[in-house]
Amino acid sequence: MTTPTDTLTVKENEDGTFTMEWDREDPVWSWLNTLSEEEITKIIRDHVDNMMNDETLNSIINDDSLTLDETSQ
């Protein structure tokens, strides 16, 4: 069985903005075809806001476990 290819790509532009592209015929992403740029931006902003307000996620982000302890150096 083959794994379907995800046709959604997100690229960061030199000016710090992002560009999204997808196959308009892809059944996974074709729902984006009906949205305006403003609607897509709102969906992304709302999701980021929800993530930033998620206490569990923020506790993981704030726990900087990737920093070496002074005792392990």
PDB file of N, CA and C in Angstrom:
ATOM      1  N   MET A   1       0.843  -1.182   0.000  1.00  0.00           N
ATOM      2  CA  MET A   1       0.000   0.000   0.000  1.00  0.00           C
ATOM      3  C   MET A   1       0.884   1.239   0.000  1.00  0.00           C
ATOM      4  N   THR A   2       0.578   2.195  -0.845  1.00  0.00           N
ATOM      5  CA  THR A   2       1.368   3.416  -0.909  1.00  0.00           C
ATOM      6  C   THR A   2       0.757   4.489  -0.013  1.00  0.00           C
ATOM      7  N   THR A   3       1.626   5.305   0.539  1.00  0.00           N
ATOM      8  CA  THR A   3       1.191   6.420   1.362  1.00  0.00           C
ATOM      9  C   THR A   3       0.884   7.598   0.454  1.00  0.00           C
ATOM     10  N   PRO A   4      -0.292   8.211   0.616  1.00  0.00           N
ATOM     11  CA  PRO A   4      -0.609   9.359  -0.241  1.00  0.00           C
ATOM     12  C   PRO A   4       0.340  10.526   0.033  1.00  0.00           C
ATOM     13  N   THR A   5       0.617  11.286  -0.995  1.00  0.00           N
ATOM     14  CA  THR A   5       1.478  12.457  -0.872  1.00  0.00           C
ATOM     15  C   THR A   5       0.656  13.630  -0.355  1.00  0.00           C
ATOM     16  N   ASP A   6       1.189  14.311   0.646  1.00  0.00           N
ATOM     17  CA  ASP A   6       0.524  15.511   1.157  1.00  0.00           C
ATOM     18  C   ASP A   6       0.873  16.657   0.222  1.00  0.00           C
ATOM     19  N   THR A   7      -0.128  17.248  -0.400  1.00  0.00           N
ATOM     20  CA  THR A   7       0.136  18.286  -1.399  1.00  0.00           C
ATOM     21  C   THR A   7       0.231  19.681  -0.808  1.00  0.00           C
ATOM     22  N   LEU A   8      -0.041  19.834   0.488  1.00  0.00           N
ATOM     23  CA  LEU A   8       0.061  21.148   1.108  1.00  0.00           C
ATOM     24  C   LEU A   8       1.518  21.467   1.387  1.00  0.00           C
ATOM     25  N   THR A   9       1.966  22.607   0.891  1.00  0.00           N
ATOM     26  CA  THR A   9       3.315  23.087   1.192  1.00  0.00           C
ATOM     27  C   THR A   9       3.213  24.503   1.740  1.00  0.00           C
ATOM     28  N   VAL A  10       4.044  24.788   2.718  1.00  0.00           N
ATOM     29  CA  VAL A  10       4.107  26.121   3.307  1.00  0.00           C
ATOM     30  C   VAL A  10       5.545  26.581   3.202  1.00  0.00           C
ATOM     31  N   LYS A  11       5.741  27.733   2.591  1.00  0.00           N
ATOM     32  CA  LYS A  11       7.090  28.275   2.397  1.00  0.00           C
ATOM     33  C   LYS A  11       7.187  29.640   3.056  1.00  0.00           C
ATOM     34  N   GLU A  12       8.309  29.875   3.746  1.00  0.00           N
ATOM     35  CA  GLU A  12       8.553  31.200   4.305  1.00  0.00           C
ATOM     36  C   GLU A  12       9.232  32.046   3.249  1.00  0.00           C
ATOM     37  N   ASN A  13       8.682  33.218   3.011  1.00  0.00           N
ATOM     38  CA  ASN A  13       9.235  34.150   2.034  1.00  0.00           C
ATOM     39  C   ASN A  13      10.339  34.991   2.683  1.00  0.00           C
ATOM     40  N   GLU A  14      11.156  35.609   1.866  1.00  0.00           N
ATOM     41  CA  GLU A  14      12.268  36.423   2.365  1.00  0.00           C
ATOM     42  C   GLU A  14      11.799  37.565   3.260  1.00  0.00           C
ATOM     43  N   ASP A  15      10.572  38.050   3.048  1.00  0.00           N
ATOM     44  CA  ASP A  15      10.060  39.178   3.846  1.00  0.00           C
ATOM     45  C   ASP A  15       9.388  38.730   5.146  1.00  0.00           C
ATOM     46  N   GLY A  16       9.448  37.422   5.445  1.00  0.00           N
ATOM     47  CA  GLY A  16       8.882  36.913   6.683  1.00  0.00           C
ATOM     48  C   GLY A  16       7.440  36.445   6.571  1.00  0.00           C
ATOM     49  N   THR A  17       6.814  36.671   5.416  1.00  0.00           N
ATOM     50  CA  THR A  17       5.464  36.167   5.197  1.00  0.00           C
ATOM     51  C   THR A  17       5.545  34.706   4.759  1.00  0.00           C
ATOM     52  N   PHE A  18       4.395  34.076   4.668  1.00  0.00           N
ATOM     53  CA  PHE A  18       4.350  32.669   4.270  1.00  0.00           C
ATOM     54  C   PHE A  18       3.447  32.506   3.061  1.00  0.00           C
ATOM     55  N   THR A  19       3.762  31.517   2.250  1.00  0.00           N
ATOM     56  CA  THR A  19       2.953  31.168   1.094  1.00  0.00           C
ATOM     57  C   THR A  19       2.528  29.712   1.235  1.00  0.00           C
ATOM     58  N   MET A  20       1.218  29.473   1.058  1.00  0.00           N
ATOM     59  CA  MET A  20       0.688  28.108   1.092  1.00  0.00           C
ATOM     60  C   MET A  20       0.266  27.719  -0.310  1.00  0.00           C
ATOM     61  N   GLU A  21       0.584  26.480  -0.679  1.00  0.00           N
ATOM     62  CA  GLU A  21       0.153  25.953  -1.974  1.00  0.00           C
ATOM     63  C   GLU A  21      -0.346  24.533  -1.766  1.00  0.00           C
ATOM     64  N   TRP A  22      -1.318  24.113  -2.562  1.00  0.00           N
ATOM     65  CA  TRP A  22      -1.855  22.763  -2.495  1.00  0.00           C
ATOM     66  C   TRP A  22      -2.452  22.411  -3.837  1.00  0.00           C
ATOM     67  N   ASP A  23      -2.607  21.116  -4.061  1.00  0.00           N
ATOM     68  CA  ASP A  23      -3.269  20.627  -5.262  1.00  0.00           C
ATOM     69  C   ASP A  23      -4.761  20.874  -5.082  1.00  0.00           C
ATOM     70  N   ARG A  24      -5.332  21.688  -5.945  1.00  0.00           N
ATOM     71  CA  ARG A  24      -6.743  22.063  -5.818  1.00  0.00           C
ATOM     72  C   ARG A  24      -7.672  20.864  -5.965  1.00  0.00           C
ATOM     73  N   GLU A  25      -7.167  19.761  -6.512  1.00  0.00           N
ATOM     74  CA  GLU A  25      -7.967  18.542  -6.681  1.00  0.00           C
ATOM     75  C   GLU A  25      -7.762  17.554  -5.532  1.00  0.00           C
ATOM     76  N   ASP A  26      -6.844  17.836  -4.627  1.00  0.00           N
ATOM     77  CA  ASP A  26      -6.552  16.947  -3.503  1.00  0.00           C
ATOM     78  C   ASP A  26      -7.743  16.942  -2.557  1.00  0.00           C
ATOM     79  N   PRO A  27      -8.373  15.781  -2.319  1.00  0.00           N
ATOM     80  CA  PRO A  27      -9.556  15.743  -1.459  1.00  0.00           C
ATOM     81  C   PRO A  27      -9.263  16.152  -0.009  1.00  0.00           C
ATOM     82  N   VAL A  28      -8.026  16.053   0.416  1.00  0.00           N
ATOM     83  CA  VAL A  28      -7.673  16.442   1.780  1.00  0.00           C
ATOM     84  C   VAL A  28      -7.667  17.955   1.928  1.00  0.00           C
ATOM     85  N   TRP A  29      -7.202  18.670   0.908  1.00  0.00           N
ATOM     86  CA  TRP A  29      -7.025  20.123   1.014  1.00  0.00           C
ATOM     87  C   TRP A  29      -7.953  20.929   0.111  1.00  0.00           C
ATOM     88  N   SER A  30      -8.804  20.302  -0.670  1.00  0.00           N
ATOM     89  CA  SER A  30      -9.660  21.045  -1.605  1.00  0.00           C
ATOM     90  C   SER A  30     -10.619  21.994  -0.901  1.00  0.00           C
ATOM     91  N   TRP A  31     -10.905  21.767   0.380  1.00  0.00           N
ATOM     92  CA  TRP A  31     -11.776  22.683   1.121  1.00  0.00           C
ATOM     93  C   TRP A  31     -11.165  24.082   1.214  1.00  0.00           C
ATOM     94  N   LEU A  32      -9.834  24.170   1.092  1.00  0.00           N
ATOM     95  CA  LEU A  32      -9.181  25.480   1.114  1.00  0.00           C
ATOM     96  C   LEU A  32      -9.516  26.307  -0.125  1.00  0.00           C
ATOM     97  N   ASN A  33      -9.925  25.647  -1.193  1.00  0.00           N
ATOM     98  CA  ASN A  33     -10.240  26.343  -2.449  1.00  0.00           C
ATOM     99  C   ASN A  33     -11.346  27.377  -2.285  1.00  0.00           C
ATOM    100  N   THR A  34     -12.226  27.168  -1.326  1.00  0.00           N
ATOM    101  CA  THR A  34     -13.390  28.047  -1.168  1.00  0.00           C
ATOM    102  C   THR A  34     -13.124  29.211  -0.220  1.00  0.00           C
ATOM    103  N   LEU A  35     -11.942  29.242   0.407  1.00  0.00           N
ATOM    104  CA  LEU A  35     -11.650  30.272   1.399  1.00  0.00           C
ATOM    105  C   LEU A  35     -10.846  31.416   0.802  1.00  0.00           C
ATOM    106  N   SER A  36     -11.054  32.587   1.364  1.00  0.00           N
ATOM    107  CA  SER A  36     -10.254  33.749   0.972  1.00  0.00           C
ATOM    108  C   SER A  36      -8.941  33.724   1.762  1.00  0.00           C
ATOM    109  N   GLU A  37      -8.003  34.539   1.341  1.00  0.00           N
ATOM    110  CA  GLU A  37      -6.735  34.673   2.060  1.00  0.00           C
ATOM    111  C   GLU A  37      -6.992  35.109   3.510  1.00  0.00           C
ATOM    112  N   GLU A  38      -7.939  36.019   3.684  1.00  0.00           N
ATOM    113  CA  GLU A  38      -8.268  36.513   5.022  1.00  0.00           C
ATOM    114  C   GLU A  38      -8.823  35.401   5.901  1.00  0.00           C
ATOM    115  N   GLU A  39      -9.660  34.533   5.333  1.00  0.00           N
ATOM    116  CA  GLU A  39     -10.235  33.433   6.106  1.00  0.00           C
ATOM    117  C   GLU A  39      -9.162  32.422   6.521  1.00  0.00           C
ATOM    118  N   ILE A  40      -8.251  32.126   5.617  1.00  0.00           N
ATOM    119  CA  ILE A  40      -7.161  31.204   5.943  1.00  0.00           C
ATOM    120  C   ILE A  40      -6.271  31.816   7.024  1.00  0.00           C
ATOM    121  N   THR A  41      -5.972  33.094   6.902  1.00  0.00           N
ATOM    122  CA  THR A  41      -5.163  33.789   7.907  1.00  0.00           C
ATOM    123  C   THR A  41      -5.846  33.739   9.266  1.00  0.00           C
ATOM    124  N   LYS A  42      -7.150  33.944   9.313  1.00  0.00           N
ATOM    125  CA  LYS A  42      -7.891  33.907  10.576  1.00  0.00           C
ATOM    126  C   LYS A  42      -7.841  32.510  11.193  1.00  0.00           C
ATOM    127  N   ILE A  43      -8.006  31.485  10.397  1.00  0.00           N
ATOM    128  CA  ILE A  43      -7.945  30.105  10.903  1.00  0.00           C
ATOM    129  C   ILE A  43      -6.581  29.848  11.542  1.00  0.00           C
ATOM    130  N   ILE A  44      -5.524  30.272  10.866  1.00  0.00           N
ATOM    131  CA  ILE A  44      -4.171  30.054  11.389  1.00  0.00           C
ATOM    132  C   ILE A  44      -3.956  30.860  12.661  1.00  0.00           C
ATOM    133  N   ARG A  45      -4.346  32.129  12.658  1.00  0.00           N
ATOM    134  CA  ARG A  45      -4.170  32.973  13.853  1.00  0.00           C
ATOM    135  C   ARG A  45      -4.961  32.434  15.040  1.00  0.00           C
ATOM    136  N   ASP A  46      -6.197  32.010  14.793  1.00  0.00           N
ATOM    137  CA  ASP A  46      -7.015  31.453  15.879  1.00  0.00           C
ATOM    138  C   ASP A  46      -6.360  30.193  16.455  1.00  0.00           C
ATOM    139  N   HIS A  47      -5.819  29.355  15.594  1.00  0.00           N
ATOM    140  CA  HIS A  47      -5.159  28.128  16.058  1.00  0.00           C
ATOM    141  C   HIS A  47      -3.917  28.461  16.880  1.00  0.00           C
ATOM    142  N   VAL A  48      -3.124  29.406  16.422  1.00  0.00           N
ATOM    143  CA  VAL A  48      -1.928  29.813  17.175  1.00  0.00           C
ATOM    144  C   VAL A  48      -2.339  30.388  18.524  1.00  0.00           C
ATOM    145  N   ASP A  49      -3.364  31.230  18.552  1.00  0.00           N
ATOM    146  CA  ASP A  49      -3.848  31.790  19.817  1.00  0.00           C
ATOM    147  C   ASP A  49      -4.267  30.681  20.776  1.00  0.00           C
ATOM    148  N   ASN A  50      -5.002  29.693  20.261  1.00  0.00           N
ATOM    149  CA  ASN A  50      -5.432  28.567  21.104  1.00  0.00           C
ATOM    150  C   ASN A  50      -4.234  27.789  21.640  1.00  0.00           C
ATOM    151  N   MET A  51      -3.248  27.589  20.802  1.00  0.00           N
ATOM    152  CA  MET A  51      -2.042  26.878  21.241  1.00  0.00           C
ATOM    153  C   MET A  51      -1.309  27.664  22.320  1.00  0.00           C
ATOM    154  N   MET A  52      -1.205  28.979  22.144  1.00  0.00           N
ATOM    155  CA  MET A  52      -0.491  29.807  23.103  1.00  0.00           C
ATOM    156  C   MET A  52      -1.226  29.880  24.443  1.00  0.00           C
ATOM    157  N   ASN A  53      -2.546  29.671  24.435  1.00  0.00           N
ATOM    158  CA  ASN A  53      -3.340  29.706  25.662  1.00  0.00           C
ATOM    159  C   ASN A  53      -3.511  28.327  26.293  1.00  0.00           C
ATOM    160  N   ASP A  54      -2.932  27.304  25.688  1.00  0.00           N
ATOM    161  CA  ASP A  54      -3.030  25.936  26.197  1.00  0.00           C
ATOM    162  C   ASP A  54      -1.992  25.743  27.299  1.00  0.00           C
ATOM    163  N   GLU A  55      -2.443  25.620  28.545  1.00  0.00           N
ATOM    164  CA  GLU A  55      -1.520  25.530  29.676  1.00  0.00           C
ATOM    165  C   GLU A  55      -0.609  24.310  29.582  1.00  0.00           C
ATOM    166  N   THR A  56      -1.128  23.188  29.126  1.00  0.00           N
ATOM    167  CA  THR A  56      -0.304  21.982  29.015  1.00  0.00           C
ATOM    168  C   THR A  56       0.801  22.186  27.997  1.00  0.00           C
ATOM    169  N   LEU A  57       0.455  22.713  26.840  1.00  0.00           N
ATOM    170  CA  LEU A  57       1.455  22.954  25.805  1.00  0.00           C
ATOM    171  C   LEU A  57       2.479  23.971  26.274  1.00  0.00           C
ATOM    172  N   ASN A  58       2.016  25.043  26.914  1.00  0.00           N
ATOM    173  CA  ASN A  58       2.941  26.068  27.384  1.00  0.00           C
ATOM    174  C   ASN A  58       3.870  25.544  28.465  1.00  0.00           C
ATOM    175  N   SER A  59       3.401  24.626  29.294  1.00  0.00           N
ATOM    176  CA  SER A  59       4.286  24.075  30.317  1.00  0.00           C
ATOM    177  C   SER A  59       5.396  23.247  29.674  1.00  0.00           C
ATOM    178  N   ILE A  60       5.081  22.605  28.567  1.00  0.00           N
ATOM    179  CA  ILE A  60       6.107  21.845  27.840  1.00  0.00           C
ATOM    180  C   ILE A  60       7.103  22.805  27.198  1.00  0.00           C
ATOM    181  N   ILE A  61       6.601  23.877  26.599  1.00  0.00           N
ATOM    182  CA  ILE A  61       7.474  24.855  25.955  1.00  0.00           C
ATOM    183  C   ILE A  61       8.350  25.545  26.991  1.00  0.00           C
ATOM    184  N   ASN A  62       7.765  25.897  28.136  1.00  0.00           N
ATOM    185  CA  ASN A  62       8.509  26.611  29.176  1.00  0.00           C
ATOM    186  C   ASN A  62       9.502  25.733  29.910  1.00  0.00           C
ATOM    187  N   ASP A  63       9.301  24.408  29.883  1.00  0.00           N
ATOM    188  CA  ASP A  63      10.243  23.492  30.500  1.00  0.00           C
ATOM    189  C   ASP A  63      11.368  23.262  29.503  1.00  0.00           C
ATOM    190  N   ASP A  64      12.399  24.046  29.630  1.00  0.00           N
ATOM    191  CA  ASP A  64      13.501  23.993  28.671  1.00  0.00           C
ATOM    192  C   ASP A  64      14.402  22.804  28.987  1.00  0.00           C
ATOM    193  N   SER A  65      13.890  21.614  28.737  1.00  0.00           N
ATOM    194  CA  SER A  65      14.624  20.403  29.076  1.00  0.00           C
ATOM    195  C   SER A  65      15.775  20.123  28.117  1.00  0.00           C
ATOM    196  N   LEU A  66      15.903  20.912  27.077  1.00  0.00           N
ATOM    197  CA  LEU A  66      17.002  20.705  26.142  1.00  0.00           C
ATOM    198  C   LEU A  66      18.270  21.441  26.569  1.00  0.00           C
ATOM    199  N   THR A  67      18.158  22.268  27.603  1.00  0.00           N
ATOM    200  CA  THR A  67      19.321  22.985  28.105  1.00  0.00           C
ATOM    201  C   THR A  67      20.071  22.082  29.066  1.00  0.00           C
ATOM    202  N   LEU A  68      21.384  22.007  28.916  1.00  0.00           N
ATOM    203  CA  LEU A  68      22.192  21.171  29.785  1.00  0.00           C
ATOM    204  C   LEU A  68      22.141  21.708  31.205  1.00  0.00           C
ATOM    205  N   ASP A  69      22.008  20.789  32.162  1.00  0.00           N
ATOM    206  CA  ASP A  69      22.114  21.167  33.567  1.00  0.00           C
ATOM    207  C   ASP A  69      23.576  21.454  33.869  1.00  0.00           C
ATOM    208  N   GLU A  70      23.811  22.318  34.832  1.00  0.00           N
ATOM    209  CA  GLU A  70      25.184  22.636  35.202  1.00  0.00           C
ATOM    210  C   GLU A  70      25.903  21.388  35.705  1.00  0.00           C
ATOM    211  N   THR A  71      25.191  20.454  36.315  1.00  0.00           N
ATOM    212  CA  THR A  71      25.808  19.249  36.849  1.00  0.00           C
ATOM    213  C   THR A  71      26.225  18.268  35.772  1.00  0.00           C
ATOM    214  N   SER A  72      25.634  18.377  34.583  1.00  0.00           N
ATOM    215  CA  SER A  72      25.970  17.420  33.519  1.00  0.00           C
ATOM    216  C   SER A  72      27.050  17.938  32.600  1.00  0.00           C
ATOM    217  N   GLN A  73      27.594  19.091  32.889  1.00  0.00           N
ATOM    218  CA  GLN A  73      28.628  19.661  32.013  1.00  0.00           C
ATOM    219  C   GLN A  73      30.007  19.221  32.402  1.00  0.00           C
TER     220      GLN A  73
END
